[in-house]
Every structure is written in C-alpha cells, then in structure tokens.
Amino acid sequence: MKIDDALNGIPAIRSREARKAKGNAASTTPNHGGASDSVEITSTSAQLSKLEEELGQIDSADTGKVEAVRQAVAEGRFQVDEEIVADALIQGTMEQLRRQGNTDK
C-alpha cells in the first residue's frame, strides 16, 4: 500500500498544552517596540472551547452493543458474514483508490 504524502507542508495541529506553552512564552517576551498587543476572545470562541471540552468527555462507543457482542462471542453465538466483510473491504479499498487518484492529479 502506498503511503500518501498529501499532508506534507500542512502544519501539525498542536495540543492545547503546546498552544498554552507557546502563548505563555510569547507573553514573557519583552516588548521593545512600544506597541502593545491585545487579544480578545469572543463569546463564540469561548463557546467553541467549551463544546470541544464537552465532546472530549463523551464516550462514543455504544456500551450496550459492545457488551452484547462480547456476550455473543463468549457464548459462541457470534457469527461473521464473510460476504458482508469482503464487500466492505472491497468498497473501502475502492474508495481509497478513488481518493488517491484524485490527489495524484
């Protein structure tokens, strides 16, 4: 499988801690030009930060479904439909190839 380098040149996303550390380092830098910088956080930005934090705490797994599958496997009742798995693998591969073909142009 070919590894796609399409993301080269895009800056990496820094963690919240890295952004804070950079902000703290910038705030301790002496201001030699006489001009002052200011930052205003809008209510929308504050709301987005709050939503980001809340989304990070949500468990995205359906624990009931996970437990049901776990129980079925333990009891030997869980059966895999090979045709569905094969079709999904083929569709996924075809989609990756389409996307790769679009990025190579």
PDB file of N, CA and C in Angstrom:
ATOM      1  N   MET A   1       0.845  -1.163   0.000  1.00  0.00           N
ATOM      2  CA  MET A   1       0.000   0.000   0.000  1.00  0.00           C
ATOM      3  C   MET A   1       0.896   1.234   0.000  1.00  0.00           C
ATOM      4  N   LYS A   2       0.591   2.176  -0.840  1.00  0.00           N
ATOM      5  CA  LYS A   2       1.361   3.401  -0.951  1.00  0.00           C
ATOM      6  C   LYS A   2       0.946   4.373   0.151  1.00  0.00           C
ATOM      7  N   ILE A   3       1.920   4.994   0.783  1.00  0.00           N
ATOM      8  CA  ILE A   3       1.626   5.986   1.807  1.00  0.00           C
ATOM      9  C   ILE A   3       1.512   7.335   1.117  1.00  0.00           C
ATOM     10  N   ASP A   4       0.403   8.014   1.359  1.00  0.00           N
ATOM     11  CA  ASP A   4       0.110   9.285   0.719  1.00  0.00           C
ATOM     12  C   ASP A   4       0.797  10.414   1.465  1.00  0.00           C
ATOM     13  N   ASP A   5       1.574  11.232   0.737  1.00  0.00           N
ATOM     14  CA  ASP A   5       2.261  12.371   1.340  1.00  0.00           C
ATOM     15  C   ASP A   5       1.500  13.668   1.094  1.00  0.00           C
ATOM     16  N   ALA A   6       0.199  13.599   0.884  1.00  0.00           N
ATOM     17  CA  ALA A   6      -0.591  14.778   0.544  1.00  0.00           C
ATOM     18  C   ALA A   6      -0.600  15.806   1.666  1.00  0.00           C
ATOM     19  N   LEU A   7      -0.325  15.410   2.900  1.00  0.00           N
ATOM     20  CA  LEU A   7      -0.377  16.340   4.018  1.00  0.00           C
ATOM     21  C   LEU A   7       0.949  17.033   4.279  1.00  0.00           C
ATOM     22  N   ASN A   8       1.980  16.723   3.478  1.00  0.00           N
ATOM     23  CA  ASN A   8       3.260  17.407   3.657  1.00  0.00           C
ATOM     24  C   ASN A   8       3.055  18.894   3.413  1.00  0.00           C
ATOM     25  N   GLY A   9       3.676  19.707   4.229  1.00  0.00           N
ATOM     26  CA  GLY A   9       3.551  21.145   4.095  1.00  0.00           C
ATOM     27  C   GLY A   9       2.421  21.729   4.921  1.00  0.00           C
ATOM     28  N   ILE A  10       1.546  20.907   5.453  1.00  0.00           N
ATOM     29  CA  ILE A  10       0.470  21.388   6.318  1.00  0.00           C
ATOM     30  C   ILE A  10       0.984  21.355   7.737  1.00  0.00           C
ATOM     31  N   PRO A  11       0.875  22.488   8.439  1.00  0.00           N
ATOM     32  CA  PRO A  11       1.407  22.495   9.807  1.00  0.00           C
ATOM     33  C   PRO A  11       0.671  21.509  10.708  1.00  0.00           C
ATOM     34  N   ALA A  12       1.409  20.910  11.609  1.00  0.00           N
ATOM     35  CA  ALA A  12       0.821  19.944  12.536  1.00  0.00           C
ATOM     36  C   ALA A  12      -0.087  20.663  13.521  1.00  0.00           C
ATOM     37  N   ILE A  13      -1.105  19.969  13.966  1.00  0.00           N
ATOM     38  CA  ILE A  13      -2.010  20.524  14.960  1.00  0.00           C
ATOM     39  C   ILE A  13      -1.376  20.326  16.323  1.00  0.00           C
ATOM     40  N   ARG A  14      -1.212  21.414  17.033  1.00  0.00           N
ATOM     41  CA  ARG A  14      -0.596  21.330  18.348  1.00  0.00           C
ATOM     42  C   ARG A  14      -1.664  21.056  19.393  1.00  0.00           C
ATOM     43  N   SER A  15      -1.248  20.409  20.443  1.00  0.00           N
ATOM     44  CA  SER A  15      -2.156  20.152  21.550  1.00  0.00           C
ATOM     45  C   SER A  15      -2.466  21.452  22.275  1.00  0.00           C
ATOM     46  N   ARG A  16      -3.518  21.429  23.062  1.00  0.00           N
ATOM     47  CA  ARG A  16      -3.901  22.611  23.833  1.00  0.00           C
ATOM     48  C   ARG A  16      -2.748  23.045  24.734  1.00  0.00           C
ATOM     49  N   GLU A  17      -2.031  22.058  25.336  1.00  0.00           N
ATOM     50  CA  GLU A  17      -0.920  22.377  26.221  1.00  0.00           C
ATOM     51  C   GLU A  17       0.197  23.084  25.454  1.00  0.00           C
ATOM     52  N   ALA A  18       0.472  22.613  24.230  1.00  0.00           N
ATOM     53  CA  ALA A  18       1.524  23.233  23.428  1.00  0.00           C
ATOM     54  C   ALA A  18       1.142  24.661  23.052  1.00  0.00           C
ATOM     55  N   ARG A  19      -0.144  24.889  22.736  1.00  0.00           N
ATOM     56  CA  ARG A  19      -0.597  26.240  22.404  1.00  0.00           C
ATOM     57  C   ARG A  19      -0.482  27.147  23.623  1.00  0.00           C
ATOM     58  N   LYS A  20      -0.853  26.615  24.812  1.00  0.00           N
ATOM     59  CA  LYS A  20      -0.749  27.413  26.026  1.00  0.00           C
ATOM     60  C   LYS A  20       0.709  27.750  26.320  1.00  0.00           C
ATOM     61  N   ALA A  21       1.592  26.751  26.177  1.00  0.00           N
ATOM     62  CA  ALA A  21       3.011  26.967  26.445  1.00  0.00           C
ATOM     63  C   ALA A  21       3.566  28.030  25.509  1.00  0.00           C
ATOM     64  N   LYS A  22       3.178  27.975  24.243  1.00  0.00           N
ATOM     65  CA  LYS A  22       3.645  28.961  23.282  1.00  0.00           C
ATOM     66  C   LYS A  22       3.102  30.339  23.647  1.00  0.00           C
ATOM     67  N   GLY A  23       1.840  30.384  24.050  1.00  0.00           N
ATOM     68  CA  GLY A  23       1.237  31.651  24.461  1.00  0.00           C
ATOM     69  C   GLY A  23       1.920  32.219  25.678  1.00  0.00           C
ATOM     70  N   ASN A  24       2.248  31.361  26.647  1.00  0.00           N
ATOM     71  CA  ASN A  24       2.946  31.815  27.851  1.00  0.00           C
ATOM     72  C   ASN A  24       4.339  32.325  27.511  1.00  0.00           C
ATOM     73  N   ALA A  25       5.034  31.638  26.610  1.00  0.00           N
ATOM     74  CA  ALA A  25       6.371  32.065  26.205  1.00  0.00           C
ATOM     75  C   ALA A  25       6.297  33.418  25.504  1.00  0.00           C
ATOM     76  N   ALA A  26       5.278  33.615  24.685  1.00  0.00           N
ATOM     77  CA  ALA A  26       5.136  34.880  23.971  1.00  0.00           C
ATOM     78  C   ALA A  26       4.811  36.013  24.928  1.00  0.00           C
ATOM     79  N   SER A  27       4.051  35.725  25.970  1.00  0.00           N
ATOM     80  CA  SER A  27       3.657  36.777  26.895  1.00  0.00           C
ATOM     81  C   SER A  27       4.822  37.221  27.778  1.00  0.00           C
ATOM     82  N   THR A  28       5.860  36.394  27.919  1.00  0.00           N
ATOM     83  CA  THR A  28       7.011  36.770  28.735  1.00  0.00           C
ATOM     84  C   THR A  28       8.088  37.451  27.904  1.00  0.00           C
ATOM     85  N   THR A  29       7.899  37.511  26.594  1.00  0.00           N
ATOM     86  CA  THR A  29       8.859  38.172  25.724  1.00  0.00           C
ATOM     87  C   THR A  29       8.734  39.677  25.910  1.00  0.00           C
ATOM     88  N   PRO A  30       9.842  40.365  26.139  1.00  0.00           N
ATOM     89  CA  PRO A  30       9.761  41.809  26.348  1.00  0.00           C
ATOM     90  C   PRO A  30       9.271  42.516  25.092  1.00  0.00           C
ATOM     91  N   ASN A  31       8.534  43.598  25.291  1.00  0.00           N
ATOM     92  CA  ASN A  31       8.004  44.388  24.197  1.00  0.00           C
ATOM     93  C   ASN A  31       8.926  45.578  23.987  1.00  0.00           C
ATOM     94  N   HIS A  32       9.689  45.564  22.892  1.00  0.00           N
ATOM     95  CA  HIS A  32      10.669  46.616  22.654  1.00  0.00           C
ATOM     96  C   HIS A  32      10.143  47.698  21.739  1.00  0.00           C
ATOM     97  N   GLY A  33       9.055  47.476  21.045  1.00  0.00           N
ATOM     98  CA  GLY A  33       8.596  48.432  20.053  1.00  0.00           C
ATOM     99  C   GLY A  33       7.686  49.506  20.599  1.00  0.00           C
ATOM    100  N   GLY A  34       7.261  49.424  21.814  1.00  0.00           N
ATOM    101  CA  GLY A  34       6.368  50.422  22.369  1.00  0.00           C
ATOM    102  C   GLY A  34       4.910  50.125  22.068  1.00  0.00           C
ATOM    103  N   ALA A  35       4.639  49.325  21.061  1.00  0.00           N
ATOM    104  CA  ALA A  35       3.259  48.967  20.729  1.00  0.00           C
ATOM    105  C   ALA A  35       2.829  47.814  21.619  1.00  0.00           C
ATOM    106  N   SER A  36       1.559  47.774  21.918  1.00  0.00           N
ATOM    107  CA  SER A  36       1.083  46.671  22.751  1.00  0.00           C
ATOM    108  C   SER A  36       0.160  45.778  21.941  1.00  0.00           C
ATOM    109  N   ASP A  37       0.222  44.507  22.227  1.00  0.00           N
ATOM    110  CA  ASP A  37      -0.644  43.533  21.585  1.00  0.00           C
ATOM    111  C   ASP A  37      -1.796  43.242  22.525  1.00  0.00           C
ATOM    112  N   SER A  38      -2.937  42.928  21.938  1.00  0.00           N
ATOM    113  CA  SER A  38      -4.063  42.536  22.775  1.00  0.00           C
ATOM    114  C   SER A  38      -4.819  41.417  22.087  1.00  0.00           C
ATOM    115  N   VAL A  39      -5.442  40.615  22.893  1.00  0.00           N
ATOM    116  CA  VAL A  39      -6.221  39.500  22.386  1.00  0.00           C
ATOM    117  C   VAL A  39      -7.604  39.601  22.982  1.00  0.00           C
ATOM    118  N   GLU A  40      -8.604  39.464  22.131  1.00  0.00           N
ATOM    119  CA  GLU A  40      -9.983  39.497  22.605  1.00  0.00           C
ATOM    120  C   GLU A  40     -10.631  38.175  22.225  1.00  0.00           C
ATOM    121  N   ILE A  41     -11.110  37.462  23.226  1.00  0.00           N
ATOM    122  CA  ILE A  41     -11.773  36.194  22.973  1.00  0.00           C
ATOM    123  C   ILE A  41     -13.265  36.463  22.889  1.00  0.00           C
ATOM    124  N   THR A  42     -13.818  36.146  21.739  1.00  0.00           N
ATOM    125  CA  THR A  42     -15.243  36.385  21.546  1.00  0.00           C
ATOM    126  C   THR A  42     -16.050  35.316  22.262  1.00  0.00           C
ATOM    127  N   SER A  43     -17.319  35.586  22.434  1.00  0.00           N
ATOM    128  CA  SER A  43     -18.186  34.600  23.081  1.00  0.00           C
ATOM    129  C   SER A  43     -18.273  33.325  22.247  1.00  0.00           C
ATOM    130  N   THR A  44     -18.196  33.476  20.928  1.00  0.00           N
ATOM    131  CA  THR A  44     -18.240  32.298  20.060  1.00  0.00           C
ATOM    132  C   THR A  44     -17.020  31.419  20.293  1.00  0.00           C
ATOM    133  N   SER A  45     -15.856  32.038  20.413  1.00  0.00           N
ATOM    134  CA  SER A  45     -14.636  31.277  20.661  1.00  0.00           C
ATOM    135  C   SER A  45     -14.706  30.568  22.006  1.00  0.00           C
ATOM    136  N   ALA A  46     -15.204  31.256  23.016  1.00  0.00           N
ATOM    137  CA  ALA A  46     -15.332  30.641  24.336  1.00  0.00           C
ATOM    138  C   ALA A  46     -16.314  29.478  24.292  1.00  0.00           C
ATOM    139  N   GLN A  47     -17.399  29.662  23.544  1.00  0.00           N
ATOM    140  CA  GLN A  47     -18.397  28.600  23.416  1.00  0.00           C
ATOM    141  C   GLN A  47     -17.808  27.395  22.690  1.00  0.00           C
ATOM    142  N   LEU A  48     -17.008  27.638  21.639  1.00  0.00           N
ATOM    143  CA  LEU A  48     -16.369  26.539  20.912  1.00  0.00           C
ATOM    144  C   LEU A  48     -15.398  25.781  21.811  1.00  0.00           C
ATOM    145  N   SER A  49     -14.669  26.492  22.628  1.00  0.00           N
ATOM    146  CA  SER A  49     -13.749  25.830  23.558  1.00  0.00           C
ATOM    147  C   SER A  49     -14.501  24.949  24.534  1.00  0.00           C
ATOM    148  N   LYS A  50     -15.626  25.456  25.032  1.00  0.00           N
ATOM    149  CA  LYS A  50     -16.433  24.682  25.970  1.00  0.00           C
ATOM    150  C   LYS A  50     -16.999  23.432  25.297  1.00  0.00           C
ATOM    151  N   LEU A  51     -17.493  23.576  24.061  1.00  0.00           N
ATOM    152  CA  LEU A  51     -18.022  22.428  23.328  1.00  0.00           C
ATOM    153  C   LEU A  51     -16.940  21.397  23.041  1.00  0.00           C
ATOM    154  N   GLU A  52     -15.734  21.869  22.699  1.00  0.00           N
ATOM    155  CA  GLU A  52     -14.616  20.965  22.442  1.00  0.00           C
ATOM    156  C   GLU A  52     -14.308  20.129  23.685  1.00  0.00           C
ATOM    157  N   GLU A  53     -14.313  20.782  24.830  1.00  0.00           N
ATOM    158  CA  GLU A  53     -14.045  20.077  26.089  1.00  0.00           C
ATOM    159  C   GLU A  53     -15.138  19.046  26.378  1.00  0.00           C
ATOM    160  N   GLU A  54     -16.394  19.431  26.172  1.00  0.00           N
ATOM    161  CA  GLU A  54     -17.510  18.518  26.428  1.00  0.00           C
ATOM    162  C   GLU A  54     -17.479  17.324  25.467  1.00  0.00           C
ATOM    163  N   LEU A  55     -17.158  17.569  24.206  1.00  0.00           N
ATOM    164  CA  LEU A  55     -17.089  16.478  23.232  1.00  0.00           C
ATOM    165  C   LEU A  55     -15.971  15.496  23.573  1.00  0.00           C
ATOM    166  N   GLY A  56     -14.895  15.993  24.133  1.00  0.00           N
ATOM    167  CA  GLY A  56     -13.791  15.127  24.530  1.00  0.00           C
ATOM    168  C   GLY A  56     -14.165  14.182  25.652  1.00  0.00           C
ATOM    169  N   GLN A  57     -15.211  14.504  26.394  1.00  0.00           N
ATOM    170  CA  GLN A  57     -15.612  13.681  27.526  1.00  0.00           C
ATOM    171  C   GLN A  57     -16.704  12.678  27.166  1.00  0.00           C
ATOM    172  N   ILE A  58     -17.231  12.754  25.943  1.00  0.00           N
ATOM    173  CA  ILE A  58     -18.312  11.854  25.529  1.00  0.00           C
ATOM    174  C   ILE A  58     -17.734  10.509  25.121  1.00  0.00           C
ATOM    175  N   ASP A  59     -18.336   9.437  25.609  1.00  0.00           N
ATOM    176  CA  ASP A  59     -17.942   8.084  25.220  1.00  0.00           C
ATOM    177  C   ASP A  59     -18.687   7.746  23.937  1.00  0.00           C
ATOM    178  N   SER A  60     -17.942   7.562  22.842  1.00  0.00           N
ATOM    179  CA  SER A  60     -18.584   7.354  21.547  1.00  0.00           C
ATOM    180  C   SER A  60     -18.981   5.899  21.303  1.00  0.00           C
ATOM    181  N   ALA A  61     -18.551   4.981  22.144  1.00  0.00           N
ATOM    182  CA  ALA A  61     -18.897   3.572  21.961  1.00  0.00           C
ATOM    183  C   ALA A  61     -20.251   3.289  22.596  1.00  0.00           C
ATOM    184  N   ASP A  62     -21.061   2.508  21.905  1.00  0.00           N
ATOM    185  CA  ASP A  62     -22.348   2.071  22.450  1.00  0.00           C
ATOM    186  C   ASP A  62     -22.053   0.887  23.358  1.00  0.00           C
ATOM    187  N   THR A  63     -21.956   1.151  24.645  1.00  0.00           N
ATOM    188  CA  THR A  63     -21.540   0.112  25.587  1.00  0.00           C
ATOM    189  C   THR A  63     -22.505  -1.064  25.610  1.00  0.00           C
ATOM    190  N   GLY A  64     -23.784  -0.801  25.391  1.00  0.00           N
ATOM    191  CA  GLY A  64     -24.762  -1.893  25.354  1.00  0.00           C
ATOM    192  C   GLY A  64     -24.488  -2.837  24.195  1.00  0.00           C
ATOM    193  N   LYS A  65     -24.206  -2.270  23.031  1.00  0.00           N
ATOM    194  CA  LYS A  65     -23.925  -3.088  21.846  1.00  0.00           C
ATOM    195  C   LYS A  65     -22.604  -3.841  22.014  1.00  0.00           C
ATOM    196  N   VAL A  66     -21.611  -3.160  22.553  1.00  0.00           N
ATOM    197  CA  VAL A  66     -20.311  -3.801  22.782  1.00  0.00           C
ATOM    198  C   VAL A  66     -20.476  -4.988  23.722  1.00  0.00           C
ATOM    199  N   GLU A  67     -21.232  -4.806  24.780  1.00  0.00           N
ATOM    200  CA  GLU A  67     -21.446  -5.886  25.749  1.00  0.00           C
ATOM    201  C   GLU A  67     -22.223  -7.041  25.126  1.00  0.00           C
ATOM    202  N   ALA A  68     -23.204  -6.737  24.279  1.00  0.00           N
ATOM    203  CA  ALA A  68     -23.989  -7.782  23.619  1.00  0.00           C
ATOM    204  C   ALA A  68     -23.097  -8.624  22.700  1.00  0.00           C
ATOM    205  N   VAL A  69     -22.207  -7.962  21.958  1.00  0.00           N
ATOM    206  CA  VAL A  69     -21.291  -8.687  21.073  1.00  0.00           C
ATOM    207  C   VAL A  69     -20.320  -9.513  21.906  1.00  0.00           C
ATOM    208  N   ARG A  70     -19.810  -8.924  22.978  1.00  0.00           N
ATOM    209  CA  ARG A  70     -18.884  -9.646  23.858  1.00  0.00           C
ATOM    210  C   ARG A  70     -19.550 -10.916  24.404  1.00  0.00           C
ATOM    211  N   GLN A  71     -20.795 -10.801  24.827  1.00  0.00           N
ATOM    212  CA  GLN A  71     -21.531 -11.943  25.363  1.00  0.00           C
ATOM    213  C   GLN A  71     -21.758 -12.996  24.288  1.00  0.00           C
ATOM    214  N   ALA A  72     -22.116 -12.561  23.076  1.00  0.00           N
ATOM    215  CA  ALA A  72     -22.351 -13.499  21.974  1.00  0.00           C
ATOM    216  C   ALA A  72     -21.073 -14.257  21.617  1.00  0.00           C
ATOM    217  N   VAL A  73     -19.948 -13.572  21.627  1.00  0.00           N
ATOM    218  CA  VAL A  73     -18.669 -14.230  21.348  1.00  0.00           C
ATOM    219  C   VAL A  73     -18.372 -15.246  22.439  1.00  0.00           C
ATOM    220  N   ALA A  74     -18.571 -14.867  23.686  1.00  0.00           N
ATOM    221  CA  ALA A  74     -18.290 -15.764  24.811  1.00  0.00           C
ATOM    222  C   ALA A  74     -19.157 -17.018  24.755  1.00  0.00           C
ATOM    223  N   GLU A  75     -20.386 -16.864  24.274  1.00  0.00           N
ATOM    224  CA  GLU A  75     -21.308 -18.000  24.215  1.00  0.00           C
ATOM    225  C   GLU A  75     -21.232 -18.751  22.888  1.00  0.00           C
ATOM    226  N   GLY A  76     -20.385 -18.287  21.973  1.00  0.00           N
ATOM    227  CA  GLY A  76     -20.251 -18.962  20.676  1.00  0.00           C
ATOM    228  C   GLY A  76     -21.395 -18.671  19.715  1.00  0.00           C
ATOM    229  N   ARG A  77     -22.199 -17.656  19.976  1.00  0.00           N
ATOM    230  CA  ARG A  77     -23.322 -17.316  19.109  1.00  0.00           C
ATOM    231  C   ARG A  77     -22.962 -16.279  18.056  1.00  0.00           C
ATOM    232  N   PHE A  78     -21.833 -15.628  18.202  1.00  0.00           N
ATOM    233  CA  PHE A  78     -21.465 -14.560  17.267  1.00  0.00           C
ATOM    234  C   PHE A  78     -20.982 -15.171  15.964  1.00  0.00           C
ATOM    235  N   GLN A  79     -21.631 -14.783  14.870  1.00  0.00           N
ATOM    236  CA  GLN A  79     -21.250 -15.305  13.562  1.00  0.00           C
ATOM    237  C   GLN A  79     -20.904 -14.143  12.641  1.00  0.00           C
ATOM    238  N   VAL A  80     -19.870 -14.320  11.860  1.00  0.00           N
ATOM    239  CA  VAL A  80     -19.419 -13.303  10.919  1.00  0.00           C
ATOM    240  C   VAL A  80     -19.915 -13.678   9.537  1.00  0.00           C
ATOM    241  N   ASP A  81     -20.562 -12.738   8.862  1.00  0.00           N
ATOM    242  CA  ASP A  81     -20.991 -12.943   7.481  1.00  0.00           C
ATOM    243  C   ASP A  81     -19.822 -12.534   6.585  1.00  0.00           C
ATOM    244  N   GLU A  82     -19.110 -13.528   6.067  1.00  0.00           N
ATOM    245  CA  GLU A  82     -17.891 -13.282   5.300  1.00  0.00           C
ATOM    246  C   GLU A  82     -18.153 -12.433   4.066  1.00  0.00           C
ATOM    247  N   GLU A  83     -19.315 -12.599   3.445  1.00  0.00           N
ATOM    248  CA  GLU A  83     -19.625 -11.822   2.241  1.00  0.00           C
ATOM    249  C   GLU A  83     -19.749 -10.341   2.562  1.00  0.00           C
ATOM    250  N   ILE A  84     -20.370 -10.008   3.681  1.00  0.00           N
ATOM    251  CA  ILE A  84     -20.512  -8.605   4.071  1.00  0.00           C
ATOM    252  C   ILE A  84     -19.146  -8.005   4.386  1.00  0.00           C
ATOM    253  N   VAL A  85     -18.313  -8.759   5.094  1.00  0.00           N
ATOM    254  CA  VAL A  85     -16.966  -8.278   5.418  1.00  0.00           C
ATOM    255  C   VAL A  85     -16.154  -8.074   4.148  1.00  0.00           C
ATOM    256  N   ALA A  86     -16.211  -9.032   3.235  1.00  0.00           N
ATOM    257  CA  ALA A  86     -15.470  -8.925   1.973  1.00  0.00           C
ATOM    258  C   ALA A  86     -15.954  -7.732   1.156  1.00  0.00           C
ATOM    259  N   ASP A  87     -17.268  -7.554   1.062  1.00  0.00           N
ATOM    260  CA  ASP A  87     -17.813  -6.414   0.318  1.00  0.00           C
ATOM    261  C   ASP A  87     -17.357  -5.088   0.921  1.00  0.00           C
ATOM    262  N   ALA A  88     -17.371  -4.993   2.251  1.00  0.00           N
ATOM    263  CA  ALA A  88     -16.948  -3.765   2.908  1.00  0.00           C
ATOM    264  C   ALA A  88     -15.461  -3.490   2.663  1.00  0.00           C
ATOM    265  N   LEU A  89     -14.640  -4.534   2.683  1.00  0.00           N
ATOM    266  CA  LEU A  89     -13.212  -4.354   2.402  1.00  0.00           C
ATOM    267  C   LEU A  89     -12.988  -3.887   0.968  1.00  0.00           C
ATOM    268  N   ILE A  90     -13.713  -4.471   0.038  1.00  0.00           N
ATOM    269  CA  ILE A  90     -13.584  -4.082  -1.372  1.00  0.00           C
ATOM    270  C   ILE A  90     -14.032  -2.634  -1.557  1.00  0.00           C
ATOM    271  N   GLN A  91     -15.181  -2.275  -0.978  1.00  0.00           N
ATOM    272  CA  GLN A  91     -15.685  -0.902  -1.109  1.00  0.00           C
ATOM    273  C   GLN A  91     -14.715   0.100  -0.493  1.00  0.00           C
ATOM    274  N   GLY A  92     -14.176  -0.231   0.674  1.00  0.00           N
ATOM    275  CA  GLY A  92     -13.213   0.654   1.324  1.00  0.00           C
ATOM    276  C   GLY A  92     -11.959   0.845   0.486  1.00  0.00           C
ATOM    277  N   THR A  93     -11.473  -0.237  -0.098  1.00  0.00           N
ATOM    278  CA  THR A  93     -10.281  -0.167  -0.945  1.00  0.00           C
ATOM    279  C   THR A  93     -10.552   0.653  -2.198  1.00  0.00           C
ATOM    280  N   MET A  94     -11.717   0.431  -2.797  1.00  0.00           N
ATOM    281  CA  MET A  94     -12.075   1.198  -3.999  1.00  0.00           C
ATOM    282  C   MET A  94     -12.173   2.689  -3.685  1.00  0.00           C
ATOM    283  N   GLU A  95     -12.741   3.037  -2.548  1.00  0.00           N
ATOM    284  CA  GLU A  95     -12.861   4.444  -2.161  1.00  0.00           C
ATOM    285  C   GLU A  95     -11.484   5.057  -1.937  1.00  0.00           C
ATOM    286  N   GLN A  96     -10.589   4.325  -1.297  1.00  0.00           N
ATOM    287  CA  GLN A  96      -9.222   4.824  -1.095  1.00  0.00           C
ATOM    288  C   GLN A  96      -8.523   5.042  -2.430  1.00  0.00           C
ATOM    289  N   LEU A  97      -8.699   4.128  -3.352  1.00  0.00           N
ATOM    290  CA  LEU A  97      -8.071   4.262  -4.661  1.00  0.00           C
ATOM    291  C   LEU A  97      -8.637   5.463  -5.417  1.00  0.00           C
ATOM    292  N   ARG A  98      -9.957   5.693  -5.294  1.00  0.00           N
ATOM    293  CA  ARG A  98     -10.565   6.869  -5.938  1.00  0.00           C
ATOM    294  C   ARG A  98      -9.977   8.147  -5.357  1.00  0.00           C
ATOM    295  N   ARG A  99      -9.894   8.222  -4.016  1.00  0.00           N
ATOM    296  CA  ARG A  99      -9.345   9.418  -3.374  1.00  0.00           C
ATOM    297  C   ARG A  99      -7.875   9.605  -3.751  1.00  0.00           C
ATOM    298  N   GLN A 100      -7.145   8.508  -3.804  1.00  0.00           N
ATOM    299  CA  GLN A 100      -5.725   8.604  -4.155  1.00  0.00           C
ATOM    300  C   GLN A 100      -5.583   9.082  -5.596  1.00  0.00           C
ATOM    301  N   GLY A 101      -6.444   8.591  -6.466  1.00  0.00           N
ATOM    302  CA  GLY A 101      -6.415   9.029  -7.859  1.00  0.00           C
ATOM    303  C   GLY A 101      -6.715  10.496  -8.004  1.00  0.00           C
ATOM    304  N   ASN A 102      -7.587  11.034  -7.149  1.00  0.00           N
ATOM    305  CA  ASN A 102      -7.935  12.451  -7.200  1.00  0.00           C
ATOM    306  C   ASN A 102      -6.808  13.337  -6.678  1.00  0.00           C
ATOM    307  N   THR A 103      -6.007  12.839  -5.741  1.00  0.00           N
ATOM    308  CA  THR A 103      -4.943  13.653  -5.160  1.00  0.00           C
ATOM    309  C   THR A 103      -3.670  13.590  -5.996  1.00  0.00           C
ATOM    310  N   ASP A 104      -3.541  12.605  -6.861  1.00  0.00           N
ATOM    311  CA  ASP A 104      -2.336  12.473  -7.678  1.00  0.00           C
ATOM    312  C   ASP A 104      -2.335  13.411  -8.878  1.00  0.00           C
ATOM    313  N   LYS A 105      -3.454  14.019  -9.184  1.00  0.00           N
ATOM    314  CA  LYS A 105      -3.565  14.871 -10.379  1.00  0.00           C
ATOM    315  C   LYS A 105      -2.986  16.228 -10.157  1.00  0.00           C
TER     316      LYS A 105
END
